[in-house]
Amino acid sequence: MRRRTATLRPVIRRQACVVAAALAAVVLPACAASSVTAIVEDEPVCADFEIGAARTQMKGGLRRPIVVTVLDGSSEVSKQMLLGRREATSGGARLLVTDSNDEYTIRWAQCENERAPQAVKERTKRADQKGASYECGKAETYHEETLTVRRGDPSSRIIHYVAPPEPACWMTEIPEGVPAAGSASASAAPAERPGPSASASASASASASVPAPPTP
């Protein structure tokens, strides 16, 4: 029994080493290939605008948003909808990729439906509250390109914006004759009409100031 046990010990050790090596081969690449972000640069700026006679301030945005999809072969890695930046200082959209030496397909598509803008002062509804949400409809692909990612190199994860067939942003729309915001005519208070007592006193003072005709 002692000889058999002594013979089995090296075999068990070799099997344990093989299992450990196999686990390391699976675990280590998974840890090394972590998820990182690819940044969209040169996304257009759609500034806030005004609408209606009340000149309501609305959030800027593309009339028809864009959907950017990252594909690894036929598998979808990440997806982001671009609405347009409200300010030039706003950061670009971010999509997830793997920090490894790999190639991805970047697909650009534009929504068929327009996205209604929201008022600047409008409160954002919570996700659990019922409310109408934007439906992109069928997104037509208008461009595809290859993104070559190099491990540890952020510059290889830059995605340059590709303009869609309809790049228009929402613009200011107000009725004719409505003064521009901040103008003198818009900010000036209307003149108050004098009341009856003020008119009577003004007439009395005016008649008193006129000299009486000489007595014959």
Protein backbone atom coordinates (compact mmCIF):
# COMPACT_ATOMS: atom_id res chain seq x y z
CA MET A 1 0.00 0.00 0.00
CA ARG A 2 2.84 2.36 0.77
CA ARG A 3 4.45 1.77 -2.63
CA ARG A 4 1.14 2.31 -4.48
CA THR A 5 0.47 5.52 -2.57
CA ALA A 6 3.96 6.78 -3.30
CA THR A 7 3.43 5.99 -6.98
CA LEU A 8 0.11 7.84 -7.16
CA ARG A 9 1.39 11.05 -5.56
CA PRO A 10 3.51 12.20 -8.58
CA VAL A 11 0.57 11.45 -10.91
CA ILE A 12 -1.81 13.53 -8.80
CA ARG A 13 0.69 16.38 -8.68
CA ARG A 14 1.11 16.33 -12.47
CA GLN A 15 -2.66 16.38 -12.98
CA ALA A 16 -3.02 19.29 -10.55
CA CYS A 17 -0.35 21.21 -12.44
CA VAL A 18 -2.11 20.57 -15.75
CA VAL A 19 -5.44 21.81 -14.34
CA ALA A 20 -3.81 24.90 -12.85
CA ALA A 21 -2.10 25.70 -16.14
CA ALA A 22 -5.39 25.29 -18.01
CA LEU A 23 -7.18 27.60 -15.60
CA ALA A 24 -4.41 30.17 -15.87
CA ALA A 25 -4.63 30.07 -19.65
CA VAL A 26 -8.35 30.88 -19.42
CA VAL A 27 -8.35 33.38 -16.55
CA LEU A 28 -5.28 35.46 -17.36
CA PRO A 29 -6.32 36.57 -20.88
CA ALA A 30 -9.79 37.42 -19.55
CA CYS A 31 -8.26 39.65 -16.87
CA ALA A 32 -5.75 41.19 -19.26
CA ALA A 33 -8.34 42.00 -21.95
CA SER A 34 -10.39 44.47 -19.93
CA SER A 35 -13.08 46.76 -21.34
CA VAL A 36 -12.08 50.30 -22.28
CA THR A 37 -13.85 53.19 -24.01
CA ALA A 38 -13.56 54.40 -27.58
CA ILE A 39 -14.36 58.11 -27.94
CA VAL A 40 -16.25 59.76 -30.80
CA GLU A 41 -14.55 62.99 -31.86
CA ASP A 42 -15.86 65.91 -33.98
CA GLU A 43 -19.49 65.27 -33.05
CA PRO A 44 -21.51 68.32 -34.19
CA VAL A 45 -22.67 71.03 -31.80
CA CYS A 46 -26.43 71.62 -31.79
CA ALA A 47 -26.88 74.70 -29.61
CA ASP A 48 -30.00 75.41 -27.55
CA PHE A 49 -32.69 77.27 -29.47
CA GLU A 50 -36.01 79.11 -29.03
CA ILE A 51 -39.45 78.16 -30.24
CA GLY A 52 -42.91 79.77 -30.28
CA ALA A 53 -44.18 83.25 -29.39
CA ALA A 54 -43.10 82.68 -25.79
CA ARG A 55 -39.56 82.05 -27.00
CA THR A 56 -39.27 78.86 -24.94
CA GLN A 57 -35.68 77.73 -24.49
CA MET A 58 -35.22 74.24 -25.92
CA LYS A 59 -32.32 71.79 -25.68
CA GLY A 60 -30.27 71.60 -28.83
CA GLY A 61 -30.05 68.32 -30.73
CA LEU A 62 -30.06 66.60 -34.09
CA ARG A 63 -33.45 66.40 -35.76
CA ARG A 64 -32.70 62.78 -36.68
CA PRO A 65 -30.25 61.12 -34.24
CA ILE A 66 -27.47 58.75 -35.23
CA VAL A 67 -26.83 55.23 -33.95
CA VAL A 68 -23.19 54.08 -33.77
CA THR A 69 -22.61 50.34 -33.31
CA VAL A 70 -19.34 48.51 -32.56
CA LEU A 71 -19.24 45.01 -34.04
CA ASP A 72 -16.77 42.19 -33.47
CA GLY A 73 -17.48 40.16 -36.56
CA SER A 74 -21.24 39.69 -36.46
CA SER A 75 -21.46 40.13 -32.66
CA GLU A 76 -22.55 43.49 -31.26
CA VAL A 77 -20.06 44.82 -28.70
CA SER A 78 -21.66 48.18 -27.84
CA LYS A 79 -24.06 50.77 -29.22
CA GLN A 80 -24.61 54.49 -28.65
CA MET A 81 -27.15 57.02 -29.91
CA LEU A 82 -25.72 60.41 -30.82
CA LEU A 83 -28.01 63.38 -30.22
CA GLY A 84 -25.46 66.13 -30.92
CA ARG A 85 -23.51 68.11 -28.32
CA ARG A 86 -25.22 71.15 -26.79
CA GLU A 87 -21.88 72.90 -26.21
CA ALA A 88 -18.46 72.72 -27.82
CA THR A 89 -16.91 71.85 -24.46
CA SER A 90 -19.11 68.78 -24.00
CA GLY A 91 -17.28 65.46 -24.22
CA GLY A 92 -17.76 63.06 -27.09
CA ALA A 93 -19.83 59.90 -26.95
CA ARG A 94 -18.15 56.75 -25.59
CA LEU A 95 -18.44 53.15 -26.70
CA LEU A 96 -17.00 50.01 -25.12
CA VAL A 97 -14.28 47.91 -26.77
CA THR A 98 -11.72 45.42 -25.48
CA ASP A 99 -8.20 46.56 -24.65
CA SER A 100 -6.53 44.06 -26.96
CA ASN A 101 -5.03 43.94 -30.41
CA ASP A 102 -8.18 43.50 -32.42
CA GLU A 103 -10.24 44.95 -35.26
CA TYR A 104 -13.83 46.14 -34.99
CA THR A 105 -16.44 47.27 -37.49
CA ILE A 106 -17.97 50.68 -36.77
CA ARG A 107 -21.44 51.03 -38.27
CA TRP A 108 -23.11 54.42 -38.69
CA ALA A 109 -26.89 54.61 -39.15
CA GLN A 110 -29.44 57.43 -38.99
CA CYS A 111 -32.89 57.13 -37.43
CA GLU A 112 -35.86 57.55 -39.74
CA ASN A 113 -37.92 59.38 -37.08
CA GLU A 114 -37.30 62.88 -35.79
CA ARG A 115 -36.63 63.27 -32.08
CA ALA A 116 -38.78 65.96 -30.49
CA PRO A 117 -36.68 68.42 -28.46
CA GLN A 118 -37.23 69.05 -24.76
CA ALA A 119 -37.49 72.35 -22.91
CA VAL A 120 -34.39 73.37 -20.96
CA LYS A 121 -36.42 73.77 -17.76
CA GLU A 122 -38.28 70.50 -18.24
CA ARG A 123 -37.58 67.96 -15.54
CA THR A 124 -36.21 64.62 -16.67
CA LYS A 125 -38.65 61.81 -15.95
CA ARG A 126 -37.46 58.88 -13.92
CA ALA A 127 -37.01 55.60 -15.74
CA ASP A 128 -39.75 53.93 -13.73
CA GLN A 129 -42.33 56.59 -14.56
CA LYS A 130 -44.64 56.11 -17.49
CA GLY A 131 -44.08 58.46 -20.38
CA ALA A 132 -43.56 58.57 -24.10
CA SER A 133 -40.04 57.66 -25.14
CA TYR A 134 -38.30 58.33 -28.41
CA GLU A 135 -38.56 55.62 -31.05
CA CYS A 136 -35.74 55.69 -33.58
CA GLY A 137 -37.61 53.59 -36.13
CA LYS A 138 -35.58 51.91 -38.85
CA ALA A 139 -31.97 53.10 -38.73
CA GLU A 140 -30.50 53.22 -42.23
CA THR A 141 -26.79 52.40 -42.42
CA TYR A 142 -24.89 55.05 -44.35
CA HIS A 143 -21.27 54.21 -43.50
CA GLU A 144 -19.09 51.37 -42.18
CA GLU A 145 -15.41 51.43 -41.28
CA THR A 146 -12.76 49.37 -39.50
CA LEU A 147 -11.31 50.39 -36.14
CA THR A 148 -7.95 48.79 -35.33
CA VAL A 149 -7.38 48.79 -31.57
CA ARG A 150 -3.88 48.40 -30.16
CA ARG A 151 -3.59 47.22 -26.61
CA GLY A 152 -2.66 50.02 -24.20
CA ASP A 153 -2.88 52.72 -26.91
CA PRO A 154 -5.74 55.22 -26.33
CA SER A 155 -5.03 56.95 -29.65
CA SER A 156 -6.14 53.80 -31.47
CA ARG A 157 -9.55 54.07 -29.85
CA ILE A 158 -10.56 57.37 -31.46
CA ILE A 159 -13.65 57.22 -33.68
CA HIS A 160 -14.06 60.19 -36.02
CA TYR A 161 -17.59 61.41 -36.59
CA VAL A 162 -19.08 60.71 -40.01
CA ALA A 163 -21.82 63.14 -41.06
CA PRO A 164 -25.19 61.56 -41.94
CA PRO A 165 -27.27 62.27 -45.06
CA GLU A 166 -29.42 64.70 -43.04
CA PRO A 167 -27.16 66.51 -40.54
CA ALA A 168 -29.61 69.29 -39.57
CA CYS A 169 -30.01 70.41 -35.96
CA TRP A 170 -33.19 71.86 -34.49
CA MET A 171 -33.22 75.62 -35.05
CA THR A 172 -35.07 78.65 -33.63
CA GLU A 173 -38.63 78.98 -34.94
CA ILE A 174 -40.68 81.98 -33.78
CA PRO A 175 -43.62 83.84 -35.39
CA GLU A 176 -42.95 87.00 -37.38
CA GLY A 177 -43.12 90.23 -35.39
CA VAL A 178 -41.98 88.70 -32.12
CA PRO A 179 -39.02 90.78 -30.88
CA ALA A 180 -35.71 89.07 -30.32
CA ALA A 181 -34.90 88.06 -26.76
CA GLY A 182 -32.98 90.77 -24.94
CA SER A 183 -33.94 93.54 -27.38
CA ALA A 184 -35.03 97.00 -26.13
CA SER A 185 -38.57 96.56 -27.43
CA ALA A 186 -38.92 93.20 -25.73
CA SER A 187 -37.49 94.32 -22.38
CA ALA A 188 -39.10 97.78 -22.17
CA ALA A 189 -42.16 97.97 -19.88
CA PRO A 190 -45.36 99.31 -21.50
CA ALA A 191 -46.23 102.91 -20.62
CA GLU A 192 -49.02 103.23 -18.03
CA ARG A 193 -52.13 105.10 -19.04
CA PRO A 194 -53.12 107.99 -16.69
CA GLY A 195 -56.19 107.37 -14.51
CA PRO A 196 -59.28 109.66 -14.47
CA SER A 197 -58.09 111.67 -11.44
CA ALA A 198 -54.72 112.23 -13.03
CA SER A 199 -56.36 113.41 -16.26
CA ALA A 200 -58.68 115.81 -14.37
CA SER A 201 -55.85 117.34 -12.39
CA ALA A 202 -53.78 117.71 -15.51
CA SER A 203 -56.66 119.53 -17.26
CA ALA A 204 -57.22 121.81 -14.25
CA SER A 205 -53.58 122.77 -14.08
CA ALA A 206 -53.52 123.43 -17.81
CA SER A 207 -56.58 125.74 -17.65
CA ALA A 208 -55.21 127.58 -14.64
CA SER A 209 -52.00 128.34 -16.47
CA VAL A 210 -53.82 130.02 -19.38
CA PRO A 211 -54.21 133.84 -18.71
CA ALA A 212 -57.76 135.23 -18.58
CA PRO A 213 -58.81 137.65 -21.41
CA PRO A 214 -58.70 141.43 -20.51
CA THR A 215 -61.95 143.02 -19.22
CA PRO A 216 -63.41 145.62 -21.68
